[in-house]
């Protein structure tokens, strides 16, 4: 359900589908997704560097706010270490976590992102 909610929202991009209780995603608004789809490898690298900075900032600010916490990690895209992307890594462990809680986390991330832009 969380993956479906991420895909419904224009500001997010699901990176890895859930395997057991883990998935990754990132802030990547629709207009940037379109740019990535049309970009050459060099442009993709430039766009991803900007997205990486944004995703780091959102994760840091969310953690500092103290309402919720989603970790982050880097994933390689291809064989080139320069093509790493920063993603949120969500590991759902608590069986009491429901979609409403997860929606609130995404809402908070969207709010933080909108305040950055």
N, C-alpha and C. Protein backbone atom coordinates (compact mmCIF):
# COMPACT_ATOMS: atom_id res chain seq x y z
N UNK A 1 0.82 -1.20 0.00
CA UNK A 1 0.00 0.00 0.00
C UNK A 1 0.87 1.27 0.00
N UNK A 2 1.98 1.21 0.71
CA UNK A 2 2.85 2.38 0.77
C UNK A 2 3.45 2.66 -0.61
N UNK A 3 3.89 1.64 -1.31
CA UNK A 3 4.44 1.82 -2.66
C UNK A 3 3.40 2.45 -3.58
N UNK A 4 2.16 2.01 -3.48
CA UNK A 4 1.09 2.57 -4.30
C UNK A 4 0.86 4.04 -3.97
N UNK A 5 0.92 4.39 -2.69
CA UNK A 5 0.74 5.79 -2.28
C UNK A 5 1.88 6.65 -2.81
N UNK A 6 3.09 6.16 -2.77
CA UNK A 6 4.24 6.89 -3.31
C UNK A 6 4.04 7.14 -4.80
N UNK A 7 3.60 6.13 -5.52
CA UNK A 7 3.41 6.26 -6.97
C UNK A 7 2.26 7.21 -7.31
N UNK A 8 1.30 7.35 -6.43
CA UNK A 8 0.17 8.27 -6.67
C UNK A 8 0.57 9.73 -6.55
N UNK A 9 1.62 9.99 -5.83
CA UNK A 9 2.01 11.38 -5.55
C UNK A 9 3.01 11.89 -6.58
N UNK A 10 2.74 13.09 -7.09
CA UNK A 10 3.57 13.68 -8.14
C UNK A 10 4.99 14.01 -7.70
N UNK A 11 5.19 14.24 -6.41
CA UNK A 11 6.51 14.67 -5.94
C UNK A 11 7.47 13.52 -5.61
N UNK A 12 7.01 12.30 -5.77
CA UNK A 12 7.85 11.15 -5.38
C UNK A 12 8.08 10.20 -6.54
N UNK A 13 9.16 9.45 -6.42
CA UNK A 13 9.49 8.39 -7.38
C UNK A 13 9.83 7.14 -6.58
N UNK A 14 9.10 6.07 -6.82
CA UNK A 14 9.42 4.79 -6.19
C UNK A 14 10.65 4.24 -6.89
N UNK A 15 11.66 3.90 -6.14
CA UNK A 15 12.91 3.39 -6.72
C UNK A 15 12.93 1.87 -6.70
N UNK A 16 12.69 1.29 -5.54
CA UNK A 16 12.64 -0.18 -5.47
C UNK A 16 11.31 -0.59 -4.85
N UNK A 17 10.67 -1.52 -5.50
CA UNK A 17 9.42 -2.08 -4.99
C UNK A 17 9.71 -2.81 -3.69
N UNK A 18 8.71 -2.91 -2.84
CA UNK A 18 8.96 -3.56 -1.54
C UNK A 18 9.34 -5.03 -1.68
N UNK A 19 10.35 -5.38 -0.94
CA UNK A 19 10.72 -6.78 -0.76
C UNK A 19 10.62 -7.02 0.73
N UNK A 20 9.69 -7.84 1.11
CA UNK A 20 9.35 -8.02 2.51
C UNK A 20 8.91 -6.68 3.08
N UNK A 21 9.71 -6.05 3.92
CA UNK A 21 9.27 -4.81 4.57
C UNK A 21 10.14 -3.60 4.23
N UNK A 22 10.88 -3.64 3.11
CA UNK A 22 11.80 -2.56 2.75
C UNK A 22 11.47 -2.03 1.35
N UNK A 23 11.46 -0.70 1.23
CA UNK A 23 11.37 -0.08 -0.10
C UNK A 23 12.16 1.20 -0.09
N UNK A 24 12.50 1.69 -1.29
CA UNK A 24 13.20 2.96 -1.41
C UNK A 24 12.45 3.87 -2.38
N UNK A 25 12.57 5.16 -2.11
CA UNK A 25 11.91 6.16 -2.94
C UNK A 25 12.65 7.48 -2.75
N UNK A 26 12.30 8.45 -3.58
CA UNK A 26 12.92 9.76 -3.43
C UNK A 26 11.98 10.87 -3.88
N UNK A 27 12.30 12.08 -3.45
CA UNK A 27 11.63 13.27 -3.97
C UNK A 27 12.09 13.40 -5.42
N UNK A 28 11.15 13.44 -6.33
CA UNK A 28 11.45 13.63 -7.75
C UNK A 28 10.16 14.08 -8.43
N UNK A 29 9.90 15.39 -8.42
CA UNK A 29 8.65 15.91 -8.99
C UNK A 29 8.46 15.52 -10.46
N UNK A 30 7.22 15.54 -10.90
CA UNK A 30 6.85 15.11 -12.25
C UNK A 30 7.66 15.80 -13.34
N UNK A 31 7.88 17.11 -13.21
CA UNK A 31 8.62 17.81 -14.25
C UNK A 31 10.06 17.32 -14.33
N UNK A 32 10.64 16.95 -13.21
CA UNK A 32 12.01 16.42 -13.21
C UNK A 32 12.02 15.00 -13.76
N UNK A 33 11.00 14.21 -13.46
CA UNK A 33 10.90 12.87 -14.06
C UNK A 33 10.89 12.97 -15.58
N UNK A 34 10.15 13.94 -16.12
CA UNK A 34 10.11 14.13 -17.58
C UNK A 34 11.49 14.54 -18.10
N UNK A 35 12.17 15.42 -17.38
CA UNK A 35 13.52 15.83 -17.79
C UNK A 35 14.46 14.64 -17.81
N UNK A 36 14.38 13.80 -16.79
CA UNK A 36 15.25 12.62 -16.72
C UNK A 36 14.99 11.67 -17.90
N UNK A 37 13.72 11.52 -18.27
CA UNK A 37 13.36 10.61 -19.36
C UNK A 37 13.92 11.08 -20.70
N UNK A 38 14.13 12.39 -20.85
CA UNK A 38 14.59 12.95 -22.12
C UNK A 38 16.08 13.32 -22.10
N UNK A 39 16.73 13.18 -20.97
CA UNK A 39 18.10 13.66 -20.81
C UNK A 39 19.14 12.64 -21.29
N UNK A 40 20.30 13.19 -21.68
CA UNK A 40 21.43 12.32 -22.01
C UNK A 40 22.14 11.96 -20.70
N UNK A 41 23.09 11.02 -20.73
CA UNK A 41 23.75 10.58 -19.48
C UNK A 41 24.37 11.70 -18.66
N UNK A 42 24.99 12.66 -19.31
CA UNK A 42 25.60 13.77 -18.58
C UNK A 42 24.54 14.62 -17.88
N UNK A 43 23.45 14.90 -18.57
CA UNK A 43 22.36 15.68 -17.98
C UNK A 43 21.72 14.91 -16.82
N UNK A 44 21.57 13.61 -16.97
CA UNK A 44 21.00 12.78 -15.90
C UNK A 44 21.85 12.90 -14.65
N UNK A 45 23.16 12.86 -14.83
CA UNK A 45 24.08 12.97 -13.68
C UNK A 45 23.90 14.32 -12.98
N UNK A 46 23.76 15.40 -13.74
CA UNK A 46 23.58 16.75 -13.17
C UNK A 46 22.25 16.84 -12.43
N UNK A 47 21.20 16.32 -13.04
CA UNK A 47 19.87 16.34 -12.41
C UNK A 47 19.89 15.53 -11.12
N UNK A 48 20.51 14.34 -11.17
CA UNK A 48 20.56 13.49 -9.98
C UNK A 48 21.36 14.13 -8.85
N UNK A 49 22.40 14.87 -9.18
CA UNK A 49 23.16 15.57 -8.13
C UNK A 49 22.28 16.58 -7.41
N UNK A 50 21.44 17.30 -8.17
CA UNK A 50 20.52 18.26 -7.55
C UNK A 50 19.48 17.54 -6.70
N UNK A 51 18.94 16.44 -7.25
CA UNK A 51 17.97 15.66 -6.49
C UNK A 51 18.59 15.09 -5.23
N UNK A 52 19.84 14.64 -5.31
CA UNK A 52 20.53 14.10 -4.13
C UNK A 52 20.61 15.14 -3.03
N UNK A 53 20.97 16.36 -3.41
CA UNK A 53 21.06 17.45 -2.43
C UNK A 53 19.70 17.71 -1.78
N UNK A 54 18.65 17.73 -2.60
CA UNK A 54 17.30 17.95 -2.09
C UNK A 54 16.87 16.84 -1.15
N UNK A 55 17.10 15.60 -1.53
CA UNK A 55 16.68 14.47 -0.70
C UNK A 55 17.46 14.41 0.61
N UNK A 56 18.74 14.74 0.57
CA UNK A 56 19.50 14.81 1.82
C UNK A 56 18.91 15.87 2.75
N UNK A 57 18.62 17.04 2.18
CA UNK A 57 18.09 18.14 2.99
C UNK A 57 16.73 17.78 3.59
N UNK A 58 15.85 17.20 2.80
CA UNK A 58 14.52 16.81 3.31
C UNK A 58 14.67 15.80 4.43
N UNK A 59 15.52 14.82 4.25
CA UNK A 59 15.69 13.79 5.28
C UNK A 59 16.26 14.39 6.56
N UNK A 60 17.25 15.27 6.42
CA UNK A 60 17.84 15.91 7.59
C UNK A 60 16.83 16.76 8.35
N UNK A 61 16.07 17.55 7.61
CA UNK A 61 15.08 18.43 8.24
C UNK A 61 13.95 17.63 8.88
N UNK A 62 13.54 16.54 8.25
CA UNK A 62 12.49 15.71 8.84
C UNK A 62 12.98 15.07 10.14
N UNK A 63 14.20 14.58 10.12
CA UNK A 63 14.77 13.98 11.34
C UNK A 63 14.87 15.03 12.45
N UNK A 64 15.32 16.24 12.10
CA UNK A 64 15.48 17.31 13.09
C UNK A 64 14.14 17.74 13.67
N UNK A 65 13.08 17.69 12.87
CA UNK A 65 11.75 18.08 13.36
C UNK A 65 11.25 17.11 14.42
N UNK A 66 11.68 15.86 14.34
CA UNK A 66 11.36 14.89 15.39
C UNK A 66 9.99 14.24 15.33
N UNK A 67 9.19 14.51 14.32
CA UNK A 67 7.87 13.88 14.23
C UNK A 67 7.96 12.45 13.71
N UNK A 68 8.86 12.26 12.76
CA UNK A 68 9.02 10.93 12.15
C UNK A 68 10.45 10.79 11.66
N UNK A 69 10.80 9.60 11.27
CA UNK A 69 12.16 9.35 10.80
C UNK A 69 12.13 8.31 9.69
N UNK A 70 12.73 8.67 8.58
CA UNK A 70 12.96 7.74 7.48
C UNK A 70 14.45 7.84 7.17
N UNK A 71 15.12 6.72 7.13
CA UNK A 71 16.56 6.77 6.86
C UNK A 71 16.80 7.03 5.38
N UNK A 72 18.06 7.27 5.05
CA UNK A 72 18.41 7.44 3.65
C UNK A 72 19.65 6.60 3.35
N UNK A 73 19.83 6.34 2.08
CA UNK A 73 21.00 5.61 1.63
C UNK A 73 21.31 6.04 0.20
N UNK A 74 22.41 5.53 -0.34
CA UNK A 74 22.75 5.79 -1.73
C UNK A 74 22.65 4.47 -2.50
N UNK A 75 22.14 4.56 -3.71
CA UNK A 75 22.07 3.41 -4.60
C UNK A 75 22.82 3.75 -5.87
N UNK A 76 23.51 2.76 -6.41
CA UNK A 76 24.20 2.96 -7.69
C UNK A 76 23.25 2.71 -8.84
N UNK A 77 23.36 3.56 -9.83
CA UNK A 77 22.62 3.36 -11.06
C UNK A 77 23.65 3.05 -12.13
N UNK A 78 23.79 1.82 -12.50
CA UNK A 78 24.82 1.42 -13.45
C UNK A 78 26.12 1.09 -12.73
N UNK A 79 27.21 1.03 -13.49
CA UNK A 79 28.51 0.63 -12.93
C UNK A 79 29.34 1.80 -12.44
N UNK A 80 28.89 3.02 -12.67
CA UNK A 80 29.67 4.19 -12.36
C UNK A 80 29.31 4.73 -10.97
N UNK A 81 30.29 4.80 -10.04
CA UNK A 81 30.00 5.33 -8.71
C UNK A 81 29.51 6.78 -8.74
N UNK A 82 29.82 7.53 -9.78
CA UNK A 82 29.34 8.90 -9.92
C UNK A 82 27.86 8.96 -10.22
N UNK A 83 27.27 7.82 -10.47
CA UNK A 83 25.85 7.77 -10.79
C UNK A 83 25.04 7.27 -9.60
N UNK A 84 25.44 7.65 -8.42
CA UNK A 84 24.71 7.26 -7.23
C UNK A 84 23.54 8.21 -7.00
N UNK A 85 22.45 7.65 -6.50
CA UNK A 85 21.31 8.48 -6.15
C UNK A 85 21.01 8.31 -4.66
N UNK A 86 20.60 9.40 -4.05
CA UNK A 86 20.22 9.39 -2.64
C UNK A 86 18.73 9.09 -2.58
N UNK A 87 18.37 8.11 -1.76
CA UNK A 87 16.98 7.70 -1.64
C UNK A 87 16.59 7.57 -0.17
N UNK A 88 15.30 7.69 0.08
CA UNK A 88 14.76 7.37 1.40
C UNK A 88 14.62 5.86 1.47
N UNK A 89 15.00 5.29 2.58
CA UNK A 89 14.87 3.84 2.77
C UNK A 89 13.90 3.61 3.92
N UNK A 90 12.79 3.02 3.59
CA UNK A 90 11.76 2.78 4.59
C UNK A 90 11.72 1.29 4.93
N UNK A 91 11.90 1.02 6.21
CA UNK A 91 11.83 -0.35 6.71
C UNK A 91 10.71 -0.37 7.74
N UNK A 92 9.62 -1.01 7.38
CA UNK A 92 8.46 -1.02 8.28
C UNK A 92 8.54 -2.26 9.16
N UNK A 93 8.76 -2.03 10.45
CA UNK A 93 8.92 -3.12 11.41
C UNK A 93 7.72 -3.27 12.34
N UNK A 94 7.11 -2.16 12.68
CA UNK A 94 6.05 -2.17 13.67
C UNK A 94 4.73 -2.60 13.01
N UNK A 95 4.12 -3.67 13.47
CA UNK A 95 2.86 -4.13 12.87
C UNK A 95 1.71 -3.15 13.08
N UNK A 96 1.89 -2.17 13.96
CA UNK A 96 0.85 -1.17 14.20
C UNK A 96 0.93 -0.01 13.20
N UNK A 97 1.97 0.02 12.38
CA UNK A 97 2.09 1.08 11.38
C UNK A 97 1.03 0.85 10.30
N UNK A 98 0.21 1.87 10.08
CA UNK A 98 -0.82 1.75 9.05
C UNK A 98 -0.59 2.80 7.97
N UNK A 99 -1.40 2.75 6.92
CA UNK A 99 -1.22 3.64 5.78
C UNK A 99 -1.40 5.10 6.18
N UNK A 100 -2.24 5.38 7.16
CA UNK A 100 -2.42 6.77 7.60
C UNK A 100 -1.11 7.35 8.14
N UNK A 101 -0.41 6.58 8.92
CA UNK A 101 0.89 7.02 9.46
C UNK A 101 1.87 7.27 8.31
N UNK A 102 1.88 6.36 7.34
CA UNK A 102 2.79 6.50 6.21
C UNK A 102 2.43 7.70 5.33
N UNK A 103 1.14 7.96 5.18
CA UNK A 103 0.70 9.15 4.44
C UNK A 103 1.16 10.42 5.14
N UNK A 104 1.10 10.43 6.46
CA UNK A 104 1.55 11.59 7.22
C UNK A 104 3.05 11.83 7.03
N UNK A 105 3.82 10.76 6.94
CA UNK A 105 5.26 10.89 6.69
C UNK A 105 5.50 11.52 5.32
N UNK A 106 4.77 11.04 4.31
CA UNK A 106 4.91 11.62 2.97
C UNK A 106 4.44 13.08 2.95
N UNK A 107 3.35 13.36 3.65
CA UNK A 107 2.86 14.74 3.74
C UNK A 107 3.95 15.65 4.32
N UNK A 108 4.58 15.17 5.38
CA UNK A 108 5.63 15.96 6.02
C UNK A 108 6.80 16.18 5.06
N UNK A 109 7.19 15.15 4.33
CA UNK A 109 8.29 15.29 3.37
C UNK A 109 7.92 16.28 2.26
N UNK A 110 6.68 16.22 1.80
CA UNK A 110 6.25 17.16 0.76
C UNK A 110 6.25 18.59 1.29
N UNK A 111 5.82 18.76 2.52
CA UNK A 111 5.82 20.11 3.12
C UNK A 111 7.24 20.64 3.26
N UNK A 112 8.16 19.80 3.73
CA UNK A 112 9.55 20.22 3.85
C UNK A 112 10.10 20.58 2.48
N UNK A 113 9.82 19.76 1.49
CA UNK A 113 10.30 20.03 0.13
C UNK A 113 9.75 21.36 -0.40
N UNK A 114 8.46 21.59 -0.19
CA UNK A 114 7.87 22.84 -0.70
C UNK A 114 8.48 24.06 -0.02
N UNK A 115 8.91 23.93 1.23
CA UNK A 115 9.56 25.04 1.92
C UNK A 115 10.99 25.27 1.43
N UNK A 116 11.59 24.24 0.83
CA UNK A 116 12.96 24.38 0.29
C UNK A 116 12.97 25.08 -1.06
N UNK A 117 11.86 24.94 -1.80
CA UNK A 117 11.84 25.48 -3.18
C UNK A 117 11.26 26.86 -3.25
